[in-house]
Amino acid sequence: MDTEREIKRLPFWNDLTPAERETVLRCARIREYKSGSLIYSPEQECLGLIKLLSGSIRTFMLSEEGREVVLYRMKEGDIDLLSAACVVNQITFETQMVAQSDCTVLVVPATCLAQFKRDNLAVRCFIFEKLGERFSDVMKLMQTMLFTRIDRRIAALLREKAEAGGKKEIRMTHEEIAAMINSSREVVSRTLKGMERSGLLTLGRGKITLHDDLDTFL
């Protein structure tokens, strides 16, 4: 990919001074990650601002027991700053980022980003606006986990997948569903069997067929 072209597509490019533009053109880099690769963790060096150019990224936290709680997933075009904890002191919780598929990422390193945050009001406003959006995403997730029943969370996910694929037969394992809704495979399997008994869907090997009653259920 053309690094200069992607840098000039950053939302704050037009707000940079000529000297700042030279700086970001010199320091920003495009990196490629294979599916499953660790992109960022608290034990690693502060990364900076990242923009996902292709592929997908999973951002999550790990409990003391090793359970993974997915906070959000990044898609092509998304910009994220949770890997810039050394630049933004307001980031106080530890997250990890893993390539969910092969992906290409534009990275504005922490040292470069710190300079812009200090000297450029437009960049500083952009940073805090993005952090506010991410905080809102995480709060919505917490609200869903705390106040939405597991069967409704599963039903909403299945309907979303069905609408995206244009058909009522979905190819997903119980483990994949559990990962998507931050639950366990055992809980998902038990809930799906209950939904099948209620006539909302039919379970098959590696697939789930949705019934019309699922929309009424939601």
N, C-alpha and C. Protein backbone atom coordinates (compact mmCIF):
# COMPACT_ATOMS: atom_id res chain seq x y z
N MET A 1 0.84 -1.19 0.00
CA MET A 1 0.00 0.00 0.00
C MET A 1 0.88 1.26 0.00
N ASP A 2 0.35 2.35 -0.53
CA ASP A 2 1.06 3.62 -0.58
C ASP A 2 0.96 4.30 0.79
N THR A 3 2.07 4.31 1.54
CA THR A 3 2.05 4.85 2.89
C THR A 3 1.67 6.32 2.90
N GLU A 4 2.24 7.11 2.00
CA GLU A 4 1.95 8.55 1.96
C GLU A 4 0.47 8.81 1.68
N ARG A 5 -0.09 8.04 0.77
CA ARG A 5 -1.51 8.22 0.44
C ARG A 5 -2.39 7.93 1.66
N GLU A 6 -2.07 6.86 2.41
CA GLU A 6 -2.86 6.51 3.58
C GLU A 6 -2.70 7.53 4.70
N ILE A 7 -1.50 8.08 4.85
CA ILE A 7 -1.27 9.11 5.87
C ILE A 7 -2.12 10.34 5.57
N LYS A 8 -2.19 10.71 4.31
CA LYS A 8 -2.95 11.91 3.92
C LYS A 8 -4.46 11.71 4.07
N ARG A 9 -4.88 10.46 4.30
CA ARG A 9 -6.30 10.20 4.54
C ARG A 9 -6.67 10.27 6.02
N LEU A 10 -5.69 10.47 6.88
CA LEU A 10 -5.99 10.62 8.31
C LEU A 10 -6.89 11.84 8.52
N PRO A 11 -7.88 11.75 9.39
CA PRO A 11 -8.86 12.84 9.56
C PRO A 11 -8.25 14.18 9.93
N PHE A 12 -7.10 14.16 10.60
CA PHE A 12 -6.50 15.42 11.05
C PHE A 12 -5.38 15.93 10.14
N TRP A 13 -5.18 15.29 8.99
CA TRP A 13 -4.09 15.68 8.10
C TRP A 13 -4.16 17.17 7.74
N ASN A 14 -5.33 17.66 7.39
CA ASN A 14 -5.47 19.06 6.97
C ASN A 14 -5.23 20.04 8.10
N ASP A 15 -5.26 19.57 9.34
CA ASP A 15 -5.04 20.44 10.49
C ASP A 15 -3.59 20.49 10.94
N LEU A 16 -2.74 19.70 10.29
CA LEU A 16 -1.33 19.69 10.66
C LEU A 16 -0.58 20.83 9.99
N THR A 17 0.42 21.34 10.67
CA THR A 17 1.29 22.35 10.08
C THR A 17 2.22 21.67 9.06
N PRO A 18 2.85 22.45 8.19
CA PRO A 18 3.81 21.84 7.24
C PRO A 18 4.90 21.01 7.95
N ALA A 19 5.39 21.51 9.07
CA ALA A 19 6.43 20.78 9.80
C ALA A 19 5.87 19.48 10.37
N GLU A 20 4.63 19.52 10.87
CA GLU A 20 4.00 18.31 11.43
C GLU A 20 3.72 17.29 10.33
N ARG A 21 3.37 17.77 9.15
CA ARG A 21 3.14 16.86 8.03
C ARG A 21 4.44 16.14 7.66
N GLU A 22 5.52 16.86 7.65
CA GLU A 22 6.81 16.24 7.37
C GLU A 22 7.15 15.19 8.43
N THR A 23 6.82 15.51 9.67
CA THR A 23 7.11 14.58 10.76
C THR A 23 6.32 13.29 10.61
N VAL A 24 5.02 13.39 10.36
CA VAL A 24 4.20 12.18 10.28
C VAL A 24 4.54 11.37 9.02
N LEU A 25 4.90 12.04 7.94
CA LEU A 25 5.32 11.32 6.73
C LEU A 25 6.61 10.55 6.97
N ARG A 26 7.44 11.07 7.85
CA ARG A 26 8.71 10.43 8.15
C ARG A 26 8.57 9.28 9.14
N CYS A 27 7.64 9.41 10.09
CA CYS A 27 7.61 8.43 11.19
C CYS A 27 6.53 7.36 11.04
N ALA A 28 5.42 7.65 10.35
CA ALA A 28 4.33 6.67 10.25
C ALA A 28 4.74 5.51 9.35
N ARG A 29 4.25 4.32 9.70
CA ARG A 29 4.61 3.11 8.97
C ARG A 29 3.38 2.22 8.76
N ILE A 30 3.41 1.44 7.70
CA ILE A 30 2.39 0.42 7.48
C ILE A 30 2.96 -0.92 7.92
N ARG A 31 2.19 -1.65 8.75
CA ARG A 31 2.62 -2.96 9.24
C ARG A 31 1.59 -4.01 8.84
N GLU A 32 2.08 -5.21 8.65
CA GLU A 32 1.20 -6.34 8.33
C GLU A 32 1.27 -7.38 9.43
N TYR A 33 0.11 -7.95 9.76
CA TYR A 33 0.01 -8.96 10.81
C TYR A 33 -0.75 -10.16 10.29
N LYS A 34 -0.26 -11.34 10.61
CA LYS A 34 -0.96 -12.57 10.26
C LYS A 34 -2.10 -12.83 11.24
N SER A 35 -3.10 -13.56 10.80
CA SER A 35 -4.23 -13.90 11.67
C SER A 35 -3.73 -14.56 12.96
N GLY A 36 -4.21 -14.08 14.09
CA GLY A 36 -3.81 -14.62 15.38
C GLY A 36 -2.62 -13.92 16.01
N SER A 37 -1.97 -13.02 15.28
CA SER A 37 -0.79 -12.32 15.80
C SER A 37 -1.20 -11.29 16.85
N LEU A 38 -0.38 -11.16 17.88
CA LEU A 38 -0.59 -10.14 18.91
C LEU A 38 -0.10 -8.80 18.38
N ILE A 39 -0.99 -7.84 18.30
CA ILE A 39 -0.65 -6.51 17.81
C ILE A 39 -0.20 -5.61 18.96
N TYR A 40 -0.90 -5.71 20.08
CA TYR A 40 -0.56 -4.87 21.23
C TYR A 40 -0.98 -5.55 22.52
N SER A 41 -0.17 -5.39 23.55
CA SER A 41 -0.51 -5.81 24.91
C SER A 41 0.19 -4.86 25.87
N PRO A 42 -0.27 -4.79 27.13
CA PRO A 42 0.34 -3.87 28.09
C PRO A 42 1.83 -4.13 28.33
N GLU A 43 2.28 -5.37 28.07
CA GLU A 43 3.68 -5.71 28.28
C GLU A 43 4.57 -5.20 27.15
N GLN A 44 3.95 -4.82 26.03
CA GLN A 44 4.72 -4.36 24.88
C GLN A 44 4.95 -2.85 24.94
N GLU A 45 5.85 -2.40 24.09
CA GLU A 45 6.10 -0.97 23.97
C GLU A 45 4.84 -0.27 23.46
N CYS A 46 4.58 0.92 23.97
CA CYS A 46 3.43 1.72 23.55
C CYS A 46 3.44 1.87 22.03
N LEU A 47 2.32 1.58 21.39
CA LEU A 47 2.27 1.53 19.94
C LEU A 47 1.97 2.89 19.32
N GLY A 48 0.87 3.51 19.74
CA GLY A 48 0.46 4.79 19.18
C GLY A 48 -0.92 4.69 18.55
N LEU A 49 -1.19 5.56 17.60
CA LEU A 49 -2.48 5.54 16.89
C LEU A 49 -2.39 4.51 15.78
N ILE A 50 -3.45 3.73 15.63
CA ILE A 50 -3.50 2.77 14.53
C ILE A 50 -4.77 2.96 13.71
N LYS A 51 -4.61 2.79 12.39
CA LYS A 51 -5.75 2.80 11.48
C LYS A 51 -5.73 1.49 10.73
N LEU A 52 -6.84 0.76 10.79
CA LEU A 52 -6.92 -0.54 10.13
C LEU A 52 -7.23 -0.34 8.65
N LEU A 53 -6.30 -0.76 7.81
CA LEU A 53 -6.46 -0.60 6.36
C LEU A 53 -7.13 -1.80 5.71
N SER A 54 -6.91 -2.98 6.28
CA SER A 54 -7.58 -4.19 5.77
C SER A 54 -7.59 -5.24 6.87
N GLY A 55 -8.56 -6.16 6.79
CA GLY A 55 -8.67 -7.21 7.80
C GLY A 55 -9.53 -6.80 8.97
N SER A 56 -9.33 -7.47 10.12
CA SER A 56 -10.11 -7.18 11.31
C SER A 56 -9.25 -7.42 12.55
N ILE A 57 -9.57 -6.70 13.61
CA ILE A 57 -8.81 -6.77 14.87
C ILE A 57 -9.78 -6.94 16.03
N ARG A 58 -9.42 -7.78 16.97
CA ARG A 58 -10.21 -8.01 18.18
C ARG A 58 -9.48 -7.36 19.36
N THR A 59 -10.20 -6.52 20.09
CA THR A 59 -9.65 -5.87 21.28
C THR A 59 -10.35 -6.43 22.51
N PHE A 60 -9.57 -6.88 23.48
CA PHE A 60 -10.17 -7.56 24.62
C PHE A 60 -9.37 -7.33 25.90
N MET A 61 -9.98 -7.73 27.01
CA MET A 61 -9.32 -7.75 28.31
C MET A 61 -9.30 -9.19 28.81
N LEU A 62 -8.33 -9.51 29.65
CA LEU A 62 -8.24 -10.84 30.24
C LEU A 62 -8.49 -10.76 31.74
N SER A 63 -9.36 -11.64 32.24
CA SER A 63 -9.60 -11.71 33.67
C SER A 63 -8.44 -12.45 34.35
N GLU A 64 -8.42 -12.44 35.67
CA GLU A 64 -7.37 -13.14 36.41
C GLU A 64 -7.42 -14.64 36.12
N GLU A 65 -8.62 -15.15 35.79
CA GLU A 65 -8.76 -16.57 35.48
C GLU A 65 -8.42 -16.89 34.02
N GLY A 66 -8.06 -15.86 33.26
CA GLY A 66 -7.71 -16.07 31.86
C GLY A 66 -8.87 -16.01 30.90
N ARG A 67 -10.04 -15.59 31.39
CA ARG A 67 -11.19 -15.47 30.50
C ARG A 67 -11.08 -14.20 29.67
N GLU A 68 -11.35 -14.33 28.39
CA GLU A 68 -11.25 -13.21 27.46
C GLU A 68 -12.60 -12.52 27.34
N VAL A 69 -12.60 -11.20 27.53
CA VAL A 69 -13.81 -10.39 27.36
C VAL A 69 -13.56 -9.43 26.20
N VAL A 70 -14.24 -9.67 25.09
CA VAL A 70 -14.05 -8.83 23.90
C VAL A 70 -14.75 -7.49 24.11
N LEU A 71 -14.00 -6.41 23.97
CA LEU A 71 -14.56 -5.07 24.14
C LEU A 71 -15.16 -4.57 22.84
N TYR A 72 -14.46 -4.78 21.74
CA TYR A 72 -14.97 -4.39 20.43
C TYR A 72 -14.09 -5.00 19.36
N ARG A 73 -14.57 -4.96 18.13
CA ARG A 73 -13.82 -5.43 16.97
C ARG A 73 -13.64 -4.29 16.00
N MET A 74 -12.46 -4.16 15.46
CA MET A 74 -12.17 -3.12 14.48
C MET A 74 -12.35 -3.67 13.07
N LYS A 75 -12.91 -2.84 12.21
CA LYS A 75 -13.06 -3.19 10.80
C LYS A 75 -12.29 -2.19 9.96
N GLU A 76 -12.23 -2.47 8.67
CA GLU A 76 -11.45 -1.62 7.76
C GLU A 76 -11.86 -0.16 7.87
N GLY A 77 -10.88 0.71 8.04
CA GLY A 77 -11.12 2.16 8.14
C GLY A 77 -11.18 2.67 9.56
N ASP A 78 -11.33 1.78 10.55
CA ASP A 78 -11.42 2.20 11.95
C ASP A 78 -10.08 2.71 12.45
N ILE A 79 -10.15 3.70 13.33
CA ILE A 79 -8.97 4.26 13.99
C ILE A 79 -9.08 4.01 15.48
N ASP A 80 -7.97 3.65 16.11
CA ASP A 80 -8.01 3.32 17.54
C ASP A 80 -6.81 3.92 18.26
N LEU A 81 -7.03 4.22 19.55
CA LEU A 81 -5.98 4.85 20.36
C LEU A 81 -5.71 4.12 21.67
N LEU A 82 -6.37 2.99 21.91
CA LEU A 82 -6.15 2.30 23.19
C LEU A 82 -4.76 1.68 23.27
N SER A 83 -4.05 1.65 22.15
CA SER A 83 -2.66 1.18 22.18
C SER A 83 -1.68 2.33 22.39
N ALA A 84 -2.21 3.49 22.78
CA ALA A 84 -1.38 4.68 23.00
C ALA A 84 -1.46 5.13 24.45
N ALA A 85 -1.45 4.17 25.37
CA ALA A 85 -1.61 4.50 26.80
C ALA A 85 -0.50 5.40 27.32
N CYS A 86 0.70 5.31 26.74
CA CYS A 86 1.81 6.14 27.21
C CYS A 86 1.63 7.60 26.78
N VAL A 87 0.77 7.85 25.80
CA VAL A 87 0.52 9.20 25.31
C VAL A 87 -0.69 9.81 25.98
N VAL A 88 -1.71 8.99 26.22
CA VAL A 88 -2.97 9.47 26.80
C VAL A 88 -3.11 8.91 28.21
N ASN A 89 -2.84 9.74 29.19
CA ASN A 89 -2.84 9.28 30.58
C ASN A 89 -4.22 8.82 31.05
N GLN A 90 -5.27 9.24 30.35
CA GLN A 90 -6.63 8.87 30.74
C GLN A 90 -6.93 7.39 30.48
N ILE A 91 -6.10 6.70 29.71
CA ILE A 91 -6.29 5.27 29.47
C ILE A 91 -5.70 4.52 30.65
N THR A 92 -6.56 3.99 31.50
CA THR A 92 -6.10 3.37 32.75
C THR A 92 -6.39 1.88 32.82
N PHE A 93 -7.03 1.29 31.80
CA PHE A 93 -7.29 -0.14 31.84
C PHE A 93 -6.47 -0.84 30.76
N GLU A 94 -6.11 -2.08 31.03
CA GLU A 94 -5.20 -2.82 30.16
C GLU A 94 -5.97 -3.64 29.13
N THR A 95 -5.65 -3.41 27.89
CA THR A 95 -6.30 -4.13 26.80
C THR A 95 -5.24 -4.82 25.94
N GLN A 96 -5.71 -5.77 25.14
CA GLN A 96 -4.85 -6.45 24.18
C GLN A 96 -5.53 -6.43 22.82
N MET A 97 -4.73 -6.41 21.78
CA MET A 97 -5.25 -6.41 20.41
C MET A 97 -4.64 -7.58 19.65
N VAL A 98 -5.50 -8.34 18.98
CA VAL A 98 -5.06 -9.51 18.20
C VAL A 98 -5.66 -9.40 16.81
N ALA A 99 -4.87 -9.76 15.81
CA ALA A 99 -5.38 -9.80 14.44
C ALA A 99 -6.37 -10.94 14.31
N GLN A 100 -7.62 -10.60 14.02
CA GLN A 100 -8.66 -11.62 13.87
C GLN A 100 -8.57 -12.29 12.50
N SER A 101 -7.96 -11.59 11.56
CA SER A 101 -7.65 -12.13 10.23
C SER A 101 -6.36 -11.45 9.79
N ASP A 102 -5.79 -11.89 8.68
CA ASP A 102 -4.62 -11.17 8.16
C ASP A 102 -5.00 -9.71 7.99
N CYS A 103 -4.16 -8.81 8.48
CA CYS A 103 -4.54 -7.41 8.42
C CYS A 103 -3.34 -6.50 8.14
N THR A 104 -3.66 -5.32 7.64
CA THR A 104 -2.68 -4.29 7.36
C THR A 104 -3.06 -3.05 8.15
N VAL A 105 -2.08 -2.46 8.84
CA VAL A 105 -2.35 -1.38 9.78
C VAL A 105 -1.39 -0.22 9.54
N LEU A 106 -1.93 0.99 9.53
CA LEU A 106 -1.11 2.20 9.53
C LEU A 106 -0.88 2.60 10.98
N VAL A 107 0.39 2.79 11.35
CA VAL A 107 0.73 3.15 12.72
C VAL A 107 1.39 4.52 12.75
N VAL A 108 0.80 5.43 13.55
CA VAL A 108 1.45 6.71 13.87
C VAL A 108 2.08 6.51 15.24
N PRO A 109 3.41 6.37 15.32
CA PRO A 109 4.06 6.00 16.58
C PRO A 109 3.78 6.95 17.72
N ALA A 110 3.91 6.43 18.93
CA ALA A 110 3.58 7.18 20.14
C ALA A 110 4.38 8.48 20.25
N THR A 111 5.66 8.44 19.91
CA THR A 111 6.48 9.66 20.03
C THR A 111 5.96 10.77 19.12
N CYS A 112 5.58 10.40 17.92
CA CYS A 112 5.03 11.35 16.96
C CYS A 112 3.67 11.86 17.43
N LEU A 113 2.82 10.95 17.90
CA LEU A 113 1.49 11.32 18.36
C LEU A 113 1.55 12.23 19.58
N ALA A 114 2.50 11.98 20.47
CA ALA A 114 2.65 12.79 21.68
C ALA A 114 2.98 14.24 21.33
N GLN A 115 3.80 14.42 20.32
CA GLN A 115 4.16 15.77 19.88
C GLN A 115 2.93 16.51 19.35
N PHE A 116 2.14 15.82 18.53
CA PHE A 116 0.94 16.45 17.98
C PHE A 116 -0.07 16.77 19.08
N LYS A 117 -0.22 15.85 20.02
CA LYS A 117 -1.16 16.07 21.11
C LYS A 117 -0.77 17.30 21.93
N ARG A 118 0.51 17.49 22.11
CA ARG A 118 1.01 18.62 22.90
C ARG A 118 0.86 19.95 22.16
N ASP A 119 1.15 19.95 20.86
CA ASP A 119 1.28 21.21 20.12
C ASP A 119 0.10 21.57 19.22
N ASN A 120 -0.78 20.61 18.93
CA ASN A 120 -1.84 20.86 17.95
C ASN A 120 -3.20 20.61 18.59
N LEU A 121 -3.96 21.68 18.75
CA LEU A 121 -5.26 21.58 19.42
C LEU A 121 -6.22 20.68 18.66
N ALA A 122 -6.21 20.73 17.33
CA ALA A 122 -7.13 19.91 16.53
C ALA A 122 -6.85 18.43 16.74
N VAL A 123 -5.57 18.06 16.79
CA VAL A 123 -5.21 16.66 17.01
C VAL A 123 -5.60 16.24 18.42
N ARG A 124 -5.38 17.10 19.38
CA ARG A 124 -5.75 16.80 20.77
C ARG A 124 -7.26 16.57 20.88
N CYS A 125 -8.05 17.40 20.22
CA CYS A 125 -9.51 17.23 20.24
C CYS A 125 -9.91 15.92 19.56
N PHE A 126 -9.24 15.60 18.46
CA PHE A 126 -9.52 14.34 17.76
C PHE A 126 -9.25 13.14 18.65
N ILE A 127 -8.13 13.17 19.36
CA ILE A 127 -7.77 12.06 20.25
C ILE A 127 -8.84 11.83 21.30
N PHE A 128 -9.28 12.90 21.95
CA PHE A 128 -10.27 12.73 23.02
C PHE A 128 -11.66 12.40 22.48
N GLU A 129 -11.95 12.85 21.27
CA GLU A 129 -13.22 12.46 20.64
C GLU A 129 -13.23 10.96 20.38
N LYS A 130 -12.12 10.41 19.86
CA LYS A 130 -12.03 8.98 19.60
C LYS A 130 -12.10 8.17 20.89
N LEU A 131 -11.44 8.66 21.92
CA LEU A 131 -11.49 7.95 23.20
C LEU A 131 -12.92 7.95 23.76
N GLY A 132 -13.63 9.05 23.57
CA GLY A 132 -15.02 9.12 24.01
C GLY A 132 -15.89 8.11 23.28
N GLU A 133 -15.66 7.95 21.98
CA GLU A 133 -16.41 6.97 21.19
C GLU A 133 -16.14 5.56 21.68
N ARG A 134 -14.87 5.25 21.96
CA ARG A 134 -14.53 3.92 22.44
C ARG A 134 -15.12 3.66 23.82
N PHE A 135 -15.10 4.67 24.68
CA PHE A 135 -15.70 4.51 26.00
C PHE A 135 -17.19 4.21 25.88
N SER A 136 -17.85 4.89 24.94
CA SER A 136 -19.27 4.64 24.71
C SER A 136 -19.50 3.21 24.23
N ASP A 137 -18.63 2.72 23.33
CA ASP A 137 -18.74 1.33 22.85
C ASP A 137 -18.63 0.34 24.00
N VAL A 138 -17.66 0.58 24.87
CA VAL A 138 -17.44 -0.34 25.99
C VAL A 138 -18.61 -0.29 26.97
N MET A 139 -19.16 0.90 27.21
CA MET A 139 -20.30 1.01 28.13
C MET A 139 -21.53 0.30 27.57
N LYS A 140 -21.74 0.38 26.25
CA LYS A 140 -22.86 -0.34 25.64
C LYS A 140 -22.68 -1.84 25.81
N LEU A 141 -21.44 -2.29 25.65
CA LEU A 141 -21.16 -3.71 25.83
C LEU A 141 -21.45 -4.14 27.26
N MET A 142 -20.99 -3.36 28.23
CA MET A 142 -21.22 -3.69 29.64
C MET A 142 -22.72 -3.71 29.96
N GLN A 143 -23.44 -2.77 29.38
CA GLN A 143 -24.89 -2.72 29.60
C GLN A 143 -25.56 -3.98 29.05
N THR A 144 -25.14 -4.40 27.87
CA THR A 144 -25.70 -5.62 27.27
C THR A 144 -25.38 -6.84 28.12
N MET A 145 -24.14 -6.95 28.56
CA MET A 145 -23.72 -8.11 29.35
C MET A 145 -24.45 -8.18 30.68
N LEU A 146 -24.71 -7.01 31.28
CA LEU A 146 -25.30 -6.98 32.61
C LEU A 146 -26.83 -7.09 32.60
N PHE A 147 -27.46 -6.53 31.56
CA PHE A 147 -28.92 -6.37 31.61
C PHE A 147 -29.69 -7.09 30.51
N THR A 148 -29.00 -7.72 29.56
CA THR A 148 -29.70 -8.44 28.50
C THR A 148 -29.55 -9.93 28.69
N ARG A 149 -30.65 -10.66 28.69
CA ARG A 149 -30.61 -12.12 28.88
C ARG A 149 -29.77 -12.78 27.80
N ILE A 150 -29.16 -13.89 28.16
CA ILE A 150 -28.26 -14.58 27.24
C ILE A 150 -28.97 -15.05 25.98
N ASP A 151 -30.24 -15.50 26.10
CA ASP A 151 -30.95 -15.96 24.91
C ASP A 151 -31.21 -14.82 23.93
N ARG A 152 -31.48 -13.64 24.46
CA ARG A 152 -31.71 -12.49 23.59
C ARG A 152 -30.41 -12.01 22.94
N ARG A 153 -29.30 -12.13 23.66
CA ARG A 153 -28.01 -11.78 23.08
C ARG A 153 -27.66 -12.73 21.93
N ILE A 154 -27.94 -14.01 22.14
CA ILE A 154 -27.69 -14.99 21.08
C ILE A 154 -28.61 -14.73 19.89
N ALA A 155 -29.88 -14.49 20.17
CA ALA A 155 -30.85 -14.27 19.09
C ALA A 155 -30.47 -13.04 18.26
N ALA A 156 -30.04 -11.97 18.92
CA ALA A 156 -29.65 -10.75 18.21
C ALA A 156 -28.45 -11.00 17.32
N LEU A 157 -27.47 -11.75 17.82
CA LEU A 157 -26.30 -12.07 17.02
C LEU A 157 -26.66 -12.92 15.81
N LEU A 158 -27.49 -13.93 16.01
CA LEU A 158 -27.88 -14.81 14.91
C LEU A 158 -28.66 -14.05 13.83
N ARG A 159 -29.55 -13.18 14.27
CA ARG A 159 -30.30 -12.41 13.28
C ARG A 159 -29.38 -11.48 12.49
N GLU A 160 -28.40 -10.88 13.18
CA GLU A 160 -27.44 -10.00 12.51
C GLU A 160 -26.65 -10.78 11.45
N LYS A 161 -26.21 -11.99 11.81
CA LYS A 161 -25.45 -12.81 10.87
C LYS A 161 -26.34 -13.24 9.69
N ALA A 162 -27.60 -13.55 9.99
CA ALA A 162 -28.52 -13.97 8.94
C ALA A 162 -28.78 -12.83 7.95
N GLU A 163 -28.97 -11.64 8.46
CA GLU A 163 -29.21 -10.48 7.60
C GLU A 163 -27.98 -10.17 6.75
N ALA A 164 -26.80 -10.32 7.34
CA ALA A 164 -25.56 -10.05 6.59
C ALA A 164 -25.35 -11.07 5.49
N GLY A 165 -25.73 -12.33 5.75
CA GLY A 165 -25.54 -13.38 4.76
C GLY A 165 -26.69 -13.57 3.80
N GLY A 166 -27.82 -12.97 4.13
CA GLY A 166 -28.98 -13.06 3.25
C GLY A 166 -29.69 -14.40 3.28
N LYS A 167 -29.45 -15.21 4.30
CA LYS A 167 -30.16 -16.48 4.41
C LYS A 167 -30.29 -16.88 5.87
N LYS A 168 -31.24 -17.78 6.14
CA LYS A 168 -31.55 -18.13 7.52
C LYS A 168 -30.69 -19.27 8.07
N GLU A 169 -29.88 -19.87 7.24
CA GLU A 169 -28.96 -20.90 7.71
C GLU A 169 -27.60 -20.27 7.97
N ILE A 170 -27.12 -20.42 9.20
CA ILE A 170 -25.88 -19.77 9.63
C ILE A 170 -24.85 -20.83 9.96
N ARG A 171 -23.65 -20.65 9.46
CA ARG A 171 -22.55 -21.56 9.75
C ARG A 171 -21.73 -20.97 10.90
N MET A 172 -22.04 -21.39 12.12
CA MET A 172 -21.30 -20.94 13.29
C MET A 172 -21.30 -22.05 14.33
N THR A 173 -20.17 -22.21 15.00
CA THR A 173 -20.11 -23.18 16.08
C THR A 173 -20.54 -22.51 17.38
N HIS A 174 -20.87 -23.32 18.37
CA HIS A 174 -21.25 -22.78 19.67
C HIS A 174 -20.09 -22.00 20.29
N GLU A 175 -18.89 -22.47 20.04
CA GLU A 175 -17.71 -21.78 20.58
C GLU A 175 -17.54 -20.40 19.94
N GLU A 176 -17.79 -20.30 18.66
CA GLU A 176 -17.70 -19.00 17.98
C GLU A 176 -18.75 -18.02 18.51
N ILE A 177 -19.96 -18.53 18.74
CA ILE A 177 -21.02 -17.68 19.29
C ILE A 177 -20.63 -17.20 20.69
N ALA A 178 -20.10 -18.11 21.50
CA ALA A 178 -19.69 -17.74 22.86
C ALA A 178 -18.65 -16.64 22.84
N ALA A 179 -17.70 -16.73 21.92
CA ALA A 179 -16.66 -15.71 21.82
C ALA A 179 -17.24 -14.36 21.41
N MET A 180 -18.27 -14.40 20.56
CA MET A 180 -18.86 -13.16 20.06
C MET A 180 -19.66 -12.43 21.12
N ILE A 181 -20.27 -13.17 22.04
CA ILE A 181 -21.14 -12.53 23.04
C ILE A 181 -20.53 -12.55 24.44
N ASN A 182 -19.25 -12.92 24.55
CA ASN A 182 -18.56 -12.94 25.84
C ASN A 182 -19.24 -13.89 26.84
N SER A 183 -19.45 -15.11 26.41
CA SER A 183 -20.02 -16.12 27.29
C SER A 183 -19.18 -17.39 27.16
N SER A 184 -19.65 -18.48 27.74
CA SER A 184 -18.93 -19.75 27.63
C SER A 184 -19.67 -20.67 26.66
N ARG A 185 -18.94 -21.63 26.10
CA ARG A 185 -19.54 -22.55 25.15
C ARG A 185 -20.65 -23.37 25.81
N GLU A 186 -20.45 -23.76 27.06
CA GLU A 186 -21.44 -24.58 27.76
C GLU A 186 -22.76 -23.82 27.92
N VAL A 187 -22.66 -22.56 28.29
CA VAL A 187 -23.87 -21.74 28.47
C VAL A 187 -24.57 -21.55 27.14
N VAL A 188 -23.80 -21.28 26.09
CA VAL A 188 -24.39 -21.08 24.77
C VAL A 188 -25.08 -22.36 24.29
N SER A 189 -24.43 -23.51 24.44
CA SER A 189 -25.02 -24.78 24.00
C SER A 189 -26.32 -25.05 24.73
N ARG A 190 -26.32 -24.83 26.04
CA ARG A 190 -27.53 -25.07 26.83
C ARG A 190 -28.66 -24.13 26.41
N THR A 191 -28.33 -22.87 26.16
CA THR A 191 -29.34 -21.89 25.76
C THR A 191 -29.88 -22.19 24.37
N LEU A 192 -29.01 -22.57 23.44
CA LEU A 192 -29.46 -22.89 22.09
C LEU A 192 -30.41 -24.08 22.08
N LYS A 193 -30.13 -25.07 22.91
CA LYS A 193 -31.03 -26.23 22.98
C LYS A 193 -32.40 -25.81 23.50
N GLY A 194 -32.43 -24.89 24.46
CA GLY A 194 -33.70 -24.38 24.96
C GLY A 194 -34.44 -23.60 23.89
N MET A 195 -33.71 -22.83 23.09
CA MET A 195 -34.32 -22.08 21.99
C MET A 195 -34.85 -23.02 20.91
N GLU A 196 -34.16 -24.13 20.71
CA GLU A 196 -34.64 -25.12 19.73
C GLU A 196 -35.94 -25.75 20.21
N ARG A 197 -36.01 -26.07 21.50
CA ARG A 197 -37.25 -26.65 22.06
C ARG A 197 -38.42 -25.68 21.95
N SER A 198 -38.10 -24.38 21.97
CA SER A 198 -39.15 -23.36 21.86
C SER A 198 -39.54 -23.08 20.42
N GLY A 199 -38.90 -23.74 19.47
CA GLY A 199 -39.26 -23.58 18.07
C GLY A 199 -38.67 -22.36 17.40
N LEU A 200 -37.62 -21.76 18.01
CA LEU A 200 -37.02 -20.56 17.45
C LEU A 200 -35.97 -20.87 16.39
N LEU A 201 -35.40 -22.05 16.45
CA LEU A 201 -34.33 -22.42 15.52
C LEU A 201 -34.16 -23.94 15.51
N THR A 202 -33.35 -24.40 14.56
CA THR A 202 -33.01 -25.82 14.48
C THR A 202 -31.49 -25.95 14.46
N LEU A 203 -30.97 -26.79 15.31
CA LEU A 203 -29.52 -26.99 15.40
C LEU A 203 -29.09 -28.12 14.49
N GLY A 204 -27.93 -27.94 13.83
CA GLY A 204 -27.33 -28.97 13.00
C GLY A 204 -25.84 -29.01 13.27
N ARG A 205 -25.13 -29.85 12.59
CA ARG A 205 -23.69 -29.96 12.79
C ARG A 205 -22.99 -28.73 12.17
N GLY A 206 -22.53 -27.84 13.04
CA GLY A 206 -21.83 -26.64 12.56
C GLY A 206 -22.73 -25.61 11.92
N LYS A 207 -24.06 -25.77 12.05
CA LYS A 207 -24.96 -24.80 11.44
C LYS A 207 -26.20 -24.62 12.30
N ILE A 208 -26.85 -23.49 12.11
CA ILE A 208 -28.08 -23.16 12.84
C ILE A 208 -29.07 -22.58 11.82
N THR A 209 -30.28 -23.13 11.79
CA THR A 209 -31.32 -22.63 10.90
C THR A 209 -32.34 -21.86 11.71
N LEU A 210 -32.54 -20.60 11.36
CA LEU A 210 -33.46 -19.74 12.10
C LEU A 210 -34.90 -19.90 11.60
N HIS A 211 -35.85 -19.80 12.53
CA HIS A 211 -37.26 -19.85 12.21
C HIS A 211 -37.84 -18.44 12.30
N ASP A 212 -38.99 -18.26 11.68
CA ASP A 212 -39.63 -16.92 11.65
C ASP A 212 -39.95 -16.43 13.06
N ASP A 213 -40.21 -17.34 13.98
CA ASP A 213 -40.59 -16.94 15.35
C ASP A 213 -39.46 -16.22 16.07
N LEU A 214 -38.24 -16.31 15.56
CA LEU A 214 -37.12 -15.64 16.23
C LEU A 214 -37.30 -14.13 16.21
N ASP A 215 -37.83 -13.58 15.11
CA ASP A 215 -38.06 -12.14 15.03
C ASP A 215 -39.09 -11.70 16.06
N THR A 216 -40.12 -12.51 16.25
CA THR A 216 -41.13 -12.20 17.27
C THR A 216 -40.52 -12.23 18.67
N PHE A 217 -39.63 -13.18 18.88
CA PHE A 217 -38.96 -13.34 20.17
C PHE A 217 -38.17 -12.10 20.53
N LEU A 218 -37.52 -11.49 19.53
CA LEU A 218 -36.72 -10.28 19.76
C LEU A 218 -37.61 -9.06 19.93
